[in-house]
C-alpha atoms as a PDB file:
ATOM      1  CA  UNK A   1     -22.453  15.069 -20.526  1.00  0.00           C
ATOM      2  CA  UNK A   2     -23.356  17.064 -23.654  1.00  0.00           C
ATOM      3  CA  UNK A   3     -21.564  20.407 -23.846  1.00  0.00           C
ATOM      4  CA  UNK A   4     -18.743  19.421 -21.466  1.00  0.00           C
ATOM      5  CA  UNK A   5     -15.373  19.047 -23.141  1.00  0.00           C
ATOM      6  CA  UNK A   6     -12.842  16.338 -22.450  1.00  0.00           C
ATOM      7  CA  UNK A   7     -10.396  19.029 -21.256  1.00  0.00           C
ATOM      8  CA  UNK A   8     -12.953  20.328 -18.743  1.00  0.00           C
ATOM      9  CA  UNK A   9     -13.566  16.825 -17.427  1.00  0.00           C
ATOM     10  CA  UNK A  10      -9.840  16.167 -17.034  1.00  0.00           C
ATOM     11  CA  UNK A  11      -9.304  19.498 -15.293  1.00  0.00           C
ATOM     12  CA  UNK A  12     -12.182  18.785 -12.923  1.00  0.00           C
ATOM     13  CA  UNK A  13     -10.801  15.354 -12.118  1.00  0.00           C
ATOM     14  CA  UNK A  14      -7.357  16.812 -11.448  1.00  0.00           C
ATOM     15  CA  UNK A  15      -8.838  19.462  -9.168  1.00  0.00           C
ATOM     16  CA  UNK A  16     -10.742  16.809  -7.239  1.00  0.00           C
ATOM     17  CA  UNK A  17      -7.588  14.746  -6.840  1.00  0.00           C
ATOM     18  CA  UNK A  18      -5.666  17.760  -5.548  1.00  0.00           C
ATOM     19  CA  UNK A  19      -8.475  18.593  -3.153  1.00  0.00           C
ATOM     20  CA  UNK A  20      -8.410  15.047  -1.829  1.00  0.00           C
ATOM     21  CA  UNK A  21      -4.652  15.164  -1.374  1.00  0.00           C
ATOM     22  CA  UNK A  22      -4.975  18.468   0.473  1.00  0.00           C
ATOM     23  CA  UNK A  23      -7.618  16.997   2.770  1.00  0.00           C
ATOM     24  CA  UNK A  24      -5.313  14.077   3.555  1.00  0.00           C
ATOM     25  CA  UNK A  25      -2.428  16.394   4.419  1.00  0.00           C
ATOM     26  CA  UNK A  26      -4.744  18.454   6.644  1.00  0.00           C
ATOM     27  CA  UNK A  27      -5.738  15.405   8.705  1.00  0.00           C
ATOM     28  CA  UNK A  28      -3.805  14.567  11.900  1.00  0.00           C
ATOM     29  CA  UNK A  29      -0.625  12.508  11.392  1.00  0.00           C
ATOM     30  CA  UNK A  30      -1.116  12.793   7.623  1.00  0.00           C
ATOM     31  CA  UNK A  31      -3.459   9.794   7.837  1.00  0.00           C
ATOM     32  CA  UNK A  32      -7.005   9.503   6.498  1.00  0.00           C
ATOM     33  CA  UNK A  33      -9.671  10.375   9.043  1.00  0.00           C
ATOM     34  CA  UNK A  34     -11.396   7.145   9.992  1.00  0.00           C
ATOM     35  CA  UNK A  35     -14.777   6.052  11.286  1.00  0.00           C
ATOM     36  CA  UNK A  36     -15.692   2.886  13.183  1.00  0.00           C
ATOM     37  CA  UNK A  37     -18.978   1.710  11.677  1.00  0.00           C
ATOM     38  CA  UNK A  38     -20.456   0.099  14.815  1.00  0.00           C
ATOM     39  CA  UNK A  39     -22.411   3.236  15.831  1.00  0.00           C
ATOM     40  CA  UNK A  40     -24.019   3.141  12.366  1.00  0.00           C
ATOM     41  CA  UNK A  41     -24.796  -0.576  12.468  1.00  0.00           C
ATOM     42  CA  UNK A  42     -28.561  -0.129  12.010  1.00  0.00           C
ATOM     43  CA  UNK A  43     -27.987   1.295   8.521  1.00  0.00           C
ATOM     44  CA  UNK A  44     -25.806  -1.687   7.700  1.00  0.00           C
ATOM     45  CA  UNK A  45     -28.319  -4.178   9.059  1.00  0.00           C
ATOM     46  CA  UNK A  46     -31.063  -2.439   7.047  1.00  0.00           C
ATOM     47  CA  UNK A  47     -29.079  -2.909   3.827  1.00  0.00           C
ATOM     48  CA  UNK A  48     -27.735   0.634   3.424  1.00  0.00           C
ATOM     49  CA  UNK A  49     -23.998  -0.046   3.685  1.00  0.00           C
ATOM     50  CA  UNK A  50     -23.365   1.630   0.328  1.00  0.00           C
ATOM     51  CA  UNK A  51     -25.276   4.713   1.466  1.00  0.00           C
ATOM     52  CA  UNK A  52     -23.279   4.831   4.688  1.00  0.00           C
ATOM     53  CA  UNK A  53     -19.999   4.647   2.748  1.00  0.00           C
ATOM     54  CA  UNK A  54     -21.212   7.441   0.468  1.00  0.00           C
ATOM     55  CA  UNK A  55     -22.178   9.666   3.390  1.00  0.00           C
ATOM     56  CA  UNK A  56     -18.949   9.051   5.308  1.00  0.00           C
ATOM     57  CA  UNK A  57     -16.860   9.833   2.247  1.00  0.00           C
ATOM     58  CA  UNK A  58     -18.900  13.019   1.818  1.00  0.00           C
ATOM     59  CA  UNK A  59     -17.834  14.145   5.299  1.00  0.00           C
ATOM     60  CA  UNK A  60     -14.159  13.666   4.456  1.00  0.00           C
ATOM     61  CA  UNK A  61     -13.680  10.242   6.007  1.00  0.00           C
ATOM     62  CA  UNK A  62     -11.065   8.218   4.133  1.00  0.00           C
ATOM     63  CA  UNK A  63     -11.024   4.926   6.008  1.00  0.00           C
ATOM     64  CA  UNK A  64     -13.492   2.801   7.924  1.00  0.00           C
ATOM     65  CA  UNK A  65     -13.213   0.093  10.529  1.00  0.00           C
ATOM     66  CA  UNK A  66     -15.760  -2.700  10.282  1.00  0.00           C
ATOM     67  CA  UNK A  67     -17.085  -5.318  12.629  1.00  0.00           C
ATOM     68  CA  UNK A  68     -17.055  -8.912  11.446  1.00  0.00           C
ATOM     69  CA  UNK A  69     -20.074 -10.928  10.262  1.00  0.00           C
ATOM     70  CA  UNK A  70     -20.032 -12.425  13.763  1.00  0.00           C
ATOM     71  CA  UNK A  71     -21.806  -9.246  14.841  1.00  0.00           C
ATOM     72  CA  UNK A  72     -25.396  -9.843  13.767  1.00  0.00           C
ATOM     73  CA  UNK A  73     -25.846  -6.354  12.321  1.00  0.00           C
ATOM     74  CA  UNK A  74     -22.834  -6.985  10.076  1.00  0.00           C
ATOM     75  CA  UNK A  75     -23.808 -10.458   8.877  1.00  0.00           C
ATOM     76  CA  UNK A  76     -25.001  -8.889   5.623  1.00  0.00           C
ATOM     77  CA  UNK A  77     -21.326  -8.138   4.832  1.00  0.00           C
ATOM     78  CA  UNK A  78     -20.235 -11.793   4.900  1.00  0.00           C
ATOM     79  CA  UNK A  79     -19.164 -11.670   1.235  1.00  0.00           C
ATOM     80  CA  UNK A  80     -15.797  -9.998   1.695  1.00  0.00           C
ATOM     81  CA  UNK A  81     -15.066  -9.343  -1.966  1.00  0.00           C
ATOM     82  CA  UNK A  82     -18.466  -7.734  -2.557  1.00  0.00           C
ATOM     83  CA  UNK A  83     -18.018  -5.660   0.584  1.00  0.00           C
ATOM     84  CA  UNK A  84     -14.596  -4.475  -0.561  1.00  0.00           C
ATOM     85  CA  UNK A  85     -16.035  -3.349  -3.889  1.00  0.00           C
ATOM     86  CA  UNK A  86     -18.661  -1.217  -2.178  1.00  0.00           C
ATOM     87  CA  UNK A  87     -16.031   0.333   0.079  1.00  0.00           C
ATOM     88  CA  UNK A  88     -13.597   1.114  -2.724  1.00  0.00           C
ATOM     89  CA  UNK A  89     -16.337   2.295  -5.103  1.00  0.00           C
ATOM     90  CA  UNK A  90     -16.886   5.130  -2.627  1.00  0.00           C
ATOM     91  CA  UNK A  91     -13.196   6.021  -2.370  1.00  0.00           C
ATOM     92  CA  UNK A  92     -12.700   4.452   1.052  1.00  0.00           C
ATOM     93  CA  UNK A  93     -10.287   1.885   2.467  1.00  0.00           C
ATOM     94  CA  UNK A  94     -10.836  -0.683   5.199  1.00  0.00           C
ATOM     95  CA  UNK A  95      -7.674  -1.926   6.873  1.00  0.00           C
ATOM     96  CA  UNK A  96      -9.131  -2.961  10.219  1.00  0.00           C
ATOM     97  CA  UNK A  97     -12.051  -4.775  11.854  1.00  0.00           C
ATOM     98  CA  UNK A  98     -13.254  -6.040  15.202  1.00  0.00           C
ATOM     99  CA  UNK A  99     -14.020  -9.750  15.518  1.00  0.00           C
ATOM    100  CA  UNK A 100     -15.845 -11.530  18.306  1.00  0.00           C
ATOM    101  CA  UNK A 101     -13.570 -13.533  20.562  1.00  0.00           C
ATOM    102  CA  UNK A 102     -15.688 -16.581  19.736  1.00  0.00           C
ATOM    103  CA  UNK A 103     -14.833 -16.196  16.036  1.00  0.00           C
ATOM    104  CA  UNK A 104     -11.139 -15.869  16.779  1.00  0.00           C
ATOM    105  CA  UNK A 105     -11.252 -19.004  18.896  1.00  0.00           C
ATOM    106  CA  UNK A 106     -13.288 -21.286  16.644  1.00  0.00           C
ATOM    107  CA  UNK A 107     -13.394 -19.724  13.157  1.00  0.00           C
ATOM    108  CA  UNK A 108      -9.992 -18.093  12.853  1.00  0.00           C
ATOM    109  CA  UNK A 109      -9.181 -19.303   9.338  1.00  0.00           C
ATOM    110  CA  UNK A 110     -12.567 -18.122   8.024  1.00  0.00           C
ATOM    111  CA  UNK A 111     -12.073 -14.767   9.744  1.00  0.00           C
ATOM    112  CA  UNK A 112      -8.622 -14.376   8.215  1.00  0.00           C
ATOM    113  CA  UNK A 113      -9.999 -15.202   4.762  1.00  0.00           C
ATOM    114  CA  UNK A 114     -12.755 -12.587   5.124  1.00  0.00           C
ATOM    115  CA  UNK A 115     -10.233  -9.985   6.257  1.00  0.00           C
ATOM    116  CA  UNK A 116      -7.971 -10.771   3.299  1.00  0.00           C
ATOM    117  CA  UNK A 117     -10.884 -10.469   0.854  1.00  0.00           C
ATOM    118  CA  UNK A 118     -11.564  -6.942   2.087  1.00  0.00           C
ATOM    119  CA  UNK A 119      -7.881  -5.971   2.034  1.00  0.00           C
ATOM    120  CA  UNK A 120      -7.343  -5.659   5.774  1.00  0.00           C
ATOM    121  CA  UNK A 121      -4.010  -5.583   7.532  1.00  0.00           C
ATOM    122  CA  UNK A 122      -5.302  -5.495  11.132  1.00  0.00           C
ATOM    123  CA  UNK A 123      -7.612  -7.802  13.102  1.00  0.00           C
ATOM    124  CA  UNK A 124      -8.747  -7.100  16.635  1.00  0.00           C
ATOM    125  CA  UNK A 125     -11.260  -7.815  19.346  1.00  0.00           C
ATOM    126  CA  UNK A 126     -13.030  -5.562  21.834  1.00  0.00           C
ATOM    127  CA  UNK A 127     -12.095  -7.499  24.969  1.00  0.00           C
ATOM    128  CA  UNK A 128     -10.509 -10.750  26.127  1.00  0.00           C
ATOM    129  CA  UNK A 129     -13.604 -11.280  28.301  1.00  0.00           C
ATOM    130  CA  UNK A 130     -11.831 -12.768  31.299  1.00  0.00           C
ATOM    131  CA  UNK A 131     -13.824 -13.426  34.451  1.00  0.00           C
ATOM    132  CA  UNK A 132     -14.353 -10.299  36.568  1.00  0.00           C
ATOM    133  CA  UNK A 133     -16.022 -10.182  39.954  1.00  0.00           C
ATOM    134  CA  UNK A 134     -16.785  -6.914  41.738  1.00  0.00           C
ATOM    135  CA  UNK A 135     -14.485  -5.081  39.350  1.00  0.00           C
ATOM    136  CA  UNK A 136     -11.495  -7.357  39.976  1.00  0.00           C
ATOM    137  CA  UNK A 137      -9.875 -10.401  38.382  1.00  0.00           C
ATOM    138  CA  UNK A 138      -6.912 -12.646  39.171  1.00  0.00           C
ATOM    139  CA  UNK A 139      -3.448 -12.867  37.648  1.00  0.00           C
ATOM    140  CA  UNK A 140      -4.128 -16.470  36.640  1.00  0.00           C
ATOM    141  CA  UNK A 141      -7.119 -15.294  34.584  1.00  0.00           C
ATOM    142  CA  UNK A 142      -5.072 -12.496  33.013  1.00  0.00           C
ATOM    143  CA  UNK A 143      -2.189 -14.821  32.138  1.00  0.00           C
ATOM    144  CA  UNK A 144      -4.517 -17.398  30.585  1.00  0.00           C
ATOM    145  CA  UNK A 145      -6.214 -14.693  28.490  1.00  0.00           C
ATOM    146  CA  UNK A 146      -2.872 -13.280  27.347  1.00  0.00           C
ATOM    147  CA  UNK A 147      -1.458 -16.704  26.445  1.00  0.00           C
ATOM    148  CA  UNK A 148      -4.529 -17.572  24.386  1.00  0.00           C
ATOM    149  CA  UNK A 149      -4.466 -14.246  22.565  1.00  0.00           C
ATOM    150  CA  UNK A 150      -0.753 -14.500  21.798  1.00  0.00           C
ATOM    151  CA  UNK A 151      -1.433 -17.847  20.094  1.00  0.00           C
ATOM    152  CA  UNK A 152      -4.273 -16.360  18.053  1.00  0.00           C
ATOM    153  CA  UNK A 153      -2.041 -13.441  17.101  1.00  0.00           C
ATOM    154  CA  UNK A 154       0.733 -15.796  16.014  1.00  0.00           C
ATOM    155  CA  UNK A 155      -1.600 -17.434  13.490  1.00  0.00           C
ATOM    156  CA  UNK A 156      -2.767 -14.032  12.256  1.00  0.00           C
ATOM    157  CA  UNK A 157       0.844 -12.870  11.882  1.00  0.00           C
ATOM    158  CA  UNK A 158       1.636 -15.903   9.728  1.00  0.00           C
ATOM    159  CA  UNK A 159      -1.247 -14.793   7.502  1.00  0.00           C
ATOM    160  CA  UNK A 160       0.434 -11.405   7.076  1.00  0.00           C
ATOM    161  CA  UNK A 161      -1.727  -9.327   9.406  1.00  0.00           C
ATOM    162  CA  UNK A 162      -1.423  -7.590  12.759  1.00  0.00           C
ATOM    163  CA  UNK A 163      -3.572  -8.566  15.725  1.00  0.00           C
ATOM    164  CA  UNK A 164      -4.662  -5.825  18.128  1.00  0.00           C
ATOM    165  CA  UNK A 165      -6.587  -5.504  21.392  1.00  0.00           C
ATOM    166  CA  UNK A 166      -9.153  -2.866  22.322  1.00  0.00           C
ATOM    167  CA  UNK A 167     -10.043  -1.994  25.949  1.00  0.00           C
ATOM    168  CA  UNK A 168     -13.499  -2.825  27.235  1.00  0.00           C
ATOM    169  CA  UNK A 169     -14.852  -4.373  30.479  1.00  0.00           C
ATOM    170  CA  UNK A 170     -12.203  -6.976  31.308  1.00  0.00           C
ATOM    171  CA  UNK A 171      -9.330  -4.664  30.436  1.00  0.00           C
ATOM    172  CA  UNK A 172     -10.787  -1.977  32.744  1.00  0.00           C
ATOM    173  CA  UNK A 173     -10.846  -4.285  35.766  1.00  0.00           C
ATOM    174  CA  UNK A 174      -8.229  -4.460  38.533  1.00  0.00           C
ATOM    175  CA  UNK A 175      -5.747  -7.254  39.164  1.00  0.00           C
ATOM    176  CA  UNK A 176      -4.213  -6.608  42.554  1.00  0.00           C
ATOM    177  CA  UNK A 177      -3.374  -2.902  42.676  1.00  0.00           C
ATOM    178  CA  UNK A 178      -2.986  -2.573  38.891  1.00  0.00           C
ATOM    179  CA  UNK A 179      -5.342  -2.069  36.000  1.00  0.00           C
ATOM    180  CA  UNK A 180      -5.724  -5.281  34.005  1.00  0.00           C
ATOM    181  CA  UNK A 181      -4.926  -3.323  30.835  1.00  0.00           C
ATOM    182  CA  UNK A 182      -1.458  -2.549  32.221  1.00  0.00           C
ATOM    183  CA  UNK A 183      -0.855  -6.172  33.144  1.00  0.00           C
ATOM    184  CA  UNK A 184      -1.851  -7.276  29.646  1.00  0.00           C
ATOM    185  CA  UNK A 185       0.663  -4.854  28.130  1.00  0.00           C
ATOM    186  CA  UNK A 186       3.353  -6.751  30.064  1.00  0.00           C
ATOM    187  CA  UNK A 187       2.076 -10.207  29.073  1.00  0.00           C
ATOM    188  CA  UNK A 188       1.080  -9.787  25.431  1.00  0.00           C
ATOM    189  CA  UNK A 189       3.866 -10.225  22.877  1.00  0.00           C
ATOM    190  CA  UNK A 190       4.673  -6.676  21.668  1.00  0.00           C
ATOM    191  CA  UNK A 191       5.317  -7.903  18.136  1.00  0.00           C
ATOM    192  CA  UNK A 192       2.262 -10.110  17.855  1.00  0.00           C
ATOM    193  CA  UNK A 193      -0.303  -7.908  19.620  1.00  0.00           C
ATOM    194  CA  UNK A 194      -0.631  -4.150  19.283  1.00  0.00           C
ATOM    195  CA  UNK A 195      -3.153  -2.080  21.219  1.00  0.00           C
ATOM    196  CA  UNK A 196      -6.086   0.086  20.174  1.00  0.00           C
ATOM    197  CA  UNK A 197      -6.767   2.816  22.719  1.00  0.00           C
ATOM    198  CA  UNK A 198     -10.339   3.910  23.324  1.00  0.00           C
ATOM    199  CA  UNK A 199     -10.622   7.445  24.721  1.00  0.00           C
ATOM    200  CA  UNK A 200     -13.763   6.748  26.746  1.00  0.00           C
ATOM    201  CA  UNK A 201     -11.837   4.103  28.717  1.00  0.00           C
ATOM    202  CA  UNK A 202      -9.531   6.647  30.360  1.00  0.00           C
ATOM    203  CA  UNK A 203     -11.410   6.854  33.681  1.00  0.00           C
ATOM    204  CA  UNK A 204     -10.554   3.208  34.245  1.00  0.00           C
ATOM    205  CA  UNK A 205      -7.272   2.585  32.420  1.00  0.00           C
ATOM    206  CA  UNK A 206      -5.532   5.963  32.686  1.00  0.00           C
ATOM    207  CA  UNK A 207      -4.288   8.817  30.531  1.00  0.00           C
ATOM    208  CA  UNK A 208      -3.692   8.111  26.850  1.00  0.00           C
ATOM    209  CA  UNK A 209      -0.616  10.359  26.542  1.00  0.00           C
ATOM    210  CA  UNK A 210       1.042   8.515  29.423  1.00  0.00           C
ATOM    211  CA  UNK A 211       0.449   5.182  27.703  1.00  0.00           C
ATOM    212  CA  UNK A 212       1.767   6.385  24.346  1.00  0.00           C
ATOM    213  CA  UNK A 213       4.969   7.717  25.894  1.00  0.00           C
ATOM    214  CA  UNK A 214       5.520   4.826  28.332  1.00  0.00           C
ATOM    215  CA  UNK A 215       4.907   2.117  25.714  1.00  0.00           C
ATOM    216  CA  UNK A 216       6.402   3.415  22.442  1.00  0.00           C
ATOM    217  CA  UNK A 217       5.395   1.456  19.371  1.00  0.00           C
ATOM    218  CA  UNK A 218       2.796  -0.649  21.201  1.00  0.00           C
ATOM    219  CA  UNK A 219      -0.307   1.145  19.887  1.00  0.00           C
ATOM    220  CA  UNK A 220      -1.584   0.781  16.341  1.00  0.00           C
ATOM    221  CA  UNK A 221      -4.836   2.736  16.470  1.00  0.00           C
ATOM    222  CA  UNK A 222      -7.299   4.817  18.485  1.00  0.00           C
ATOM    223  CA  UNK A 223     -11.057   5.057  18.900  1.00  0.00           C
ATOM    224  CA  UNK A 224     -11.959   8.700  19.263  1.00  0.00           C
ATOM    225  CA  UNK A 225     -14.715  10.027  21.489  1.00  0.00           C
ATOM    226  CA  UNK A 226     -14.990  13.473  22.982  1.00  0.00           C
ATOM    227  CA  UNK A 227     -14.572  13.753  26.764  1.00  0.00           C
ATOM    228  CA  UNK A 228     -16.509  16.521  28.566  1.00  0.00           C
ATOM    229  CA  UNK A 229     -14.435  19.267  30.169  1.00  0.00           C
ATOM    230  CA  UNK A 230     -16.614  18.936  33.275  1.00  0.00           C
ATOM    231  CA  UNK A 231     -15.150  15.461  33.723  1.00  0.00           C
ATOM    232  CA  UNK A 232     -11.640  16.867  33.906  1.00  0.00           C
ATOM    233  CA  UNK A 233     -10.676  15.211  30.672  1.00  0.00           C
ATOM    234  CA  UNK A 234     -11.895  11.811  31.836  1.00  0.00           C
ATOM    235  CA  UNK A 235     -15.263  10.350  31.012  1.00  0.00           C
ATOM    236  CA  UNK A 236     -16.953   7.028  30.523  1.00  0.00           C
ATOM    237  CA  UNK A 237     -19.905   5.986  28.370  1.00  0.00           C
ATOM    238  CA  UNK A 238     -22.103   8.913  29.376  1.00  0.00           C
ATOM    239  CA  UNK A 239     -23.813  11.415  27.051  1.00  0.00           C
ATOM    240  CA  UNK A 240     -21.750  11.909  23.928  1.00  0.00           C
ATOM    241  CA  UNK A 241     -19.721  14.977  23.082  1.00  0.00           C
ATOM    242  CA  UNK A 242     -17.910  15.719  19.842  1.00  0.00           C
ATOM    243  CA  UNK A 243     -14.137  15.489  19.548  1.00  0.00           C
ATOM    244  CA  UNK A 244     -12.825  19.016  19.993  1.00  0.00           C
ATOM    245  CA  UNK A 245     -15.792  20.146  22.088  1.00  0.00           C
ATOM    246  CA  UNK A 246     -14.473  18.410  25.152  1.00  0.00           C
ATOM    247  CA  UNK A 247     -11.741  18.525  27.783  1.00  0.00           C
ATOM    248  CA  UNK A 248      -8.928  16.758  25.915  1.00  0.00           C
ATOM    249  CA  UNK A 249      -5.818  18.329  24.412  1.00  0.00           C
ATOM    250  CA  UNK A 250      -6.101  16.655  21.011  1.00  0.00           C
ATOM    251  CA  UNK A 251      -2.967  18.154  19.404  1.00  0.00           C
ATOM    252  CA  UNK A 252      -0.982  16.806  22.381  1.00  0.00           C
ATOM    253  CA  UNK A 253      -2.650  13.405  22.041  1.00  0.00           C
ATOM    254  CA  UNK A 254      -1.825  13.168  18.338  1.00  0.00           C
ATOM    255  CA  UNK A 255       1.756  14.288  18.972  1.00  0.00           C
ATOM    256  CA  UNK A 256       2.129  11.496  21.546  1.00  0.00           C
ATOM    257  CA  UNK A 257       0.412   9.057  19.162  1.00  0.00           C
ATOM    258  CA  UNK A 258       3.469   9.251  16.909  1.00  0.00           C
ATOM    259  CA  UNK A 259       5.555   7.845  19.758  1.00  0.00           C
ATOM    260  CA  UNK A 260       2.870   5.286  20.539  1.00  0.00           C
ATOM    261  CA  UNK A 261       3.052   3.980  16.978  1.00  0.00           C
ATOM    262  CA  UNK A 262      -0.501   4.836  15.910  1.00  0.00           C
ATOM    263  CA  UNK A 263      -1.178   4.019  12.250  1.00  0.00           C
ATOM    264  CA  UNK A 264      -4.891   4.835  12.107  1.00  0.00           C
ATOM    265  CA  UNK A 265      -7.690   6.355  14.167  1.00  0.00           C
ATOM    266  CA  UNK A 266     -11.453   6.049  14.030  1.00  0.00           C
ATOM    267  CA  UNK A 267     -14.210   8.309  15.280  1.00  0.00           C
ATOM    268  CA  UNK A 268     -16.652   6.045  17.129  1.00  0.00           C
ATOM    269  CA  UNK A 269     -19.746   8.165  17.691  1.00  0.00           C
ATOM    270  CA  UNK A 270     -23.304   8.568  16.462  1.00  0.00           C
ATOM    271  CA  UNK A 271     -23.910  10.386  13.202  1.00  0.00           C
ATOM    272  CA  UNK A 272     -24.384  13.909  14.527  1.00  0.00           C
ATOM    273  CA  UNK A 273     -21.245  13.708  16.658  1.00  0.00           C
ATOM    274  CA  UNK A 274     -19.311  12.074  13.821  1.00  0.00           C
ATOM    275  CA  UNK A 275     -20.106  15.067  11.597  1.00  0.00           C
ATOM    276  CA  UNK A 276     -18.811  17.482  14.237  1.00  0.00           C
ATOM    277  CA  UNK A 277     -15.781  15.393  15.145  1.00  0.00           C
ATOM    278  CA  UNK A 278     -14.606  14.915  11.564  1.00  0.00           C
ATOM    279  CA  UNK A 279     -14.923  18.665  10.948  1.00  0.00           C
ATOM    280  CA  UNK A 280     -12.733  19.350  13.989  1.00  0.00           C
ATOM    281  CA  UNK A 281     -10.116  16.756  13.060  1.00  0.00           C
ATOM    282  CA  UNK A 282      -9.589  18.527   9.740  1.00  0.00           C
ATOM    283  CA  UNK A 283      -8.372  21.589  11.672  1.00  0.00           C
ATOM    284  CA  UNK A 284      -5.673  19.841  13.737  1.00  0.00           C
ATOM    285  CA  UNK A 285      -2.064  20.280  12.737  1.00  0.00           C
ATOM    286  CA  UNK A 286      -0.222  17.286  14.145  1.00  0.00           C
END
């Protein structure tokens, strides 16, 4: 540091802080741009979690969503306090994570303790994993799944956190003439369980803007993936496309997200697409 004055250092630090504040204001909803770390799980498994945090922060990401140590690639992060230090040393926050349903059923107290150590406020799971046959399930299965999850969420609420539900296979199935996801919205306690909408699920569960406006306050977060214009704004798990290079009206989605109650959002894509998606999100005024 020879030759650099204290005044210069202070001015540089102040400029960096202002730049960071400007980046936050430029992000949609005035919230930090987030990244779900599951697509980057190999780096975590290989012991490069600190490097991943550094690289995400360098893109302009301000928050991350983890997966629990119940995911084998994330087992290396089982020390919650050490994990939190790595995250915060790189200027990031982690308020949310996915847990396996098995953990929530049989290791709930340990999962809550790990979440608290990292500073989380939200705990979720990818799917309630109810029985599906030929794309359909029964109302009895849906009700049983909802009742069980409400009880889990009640325990989590007593620990000061919010439970949420993603939308994967089971949620995309049909129960009668309805999508199971819609039935679960009716059966899950709106205070105990919030929803996390995944864009790539739209072909099965329906349009995100419709959900946000029909169910105000029910959604706490989003997983962002680009949806090819050739798919008419609806795509599944096919070849990836960056957010903003797709067929979705993202400013409209973020405007509706305010009604939906969204408190955070996470790009969930491979590294190359994450770079492109984060760059686009910085340009949205919403």
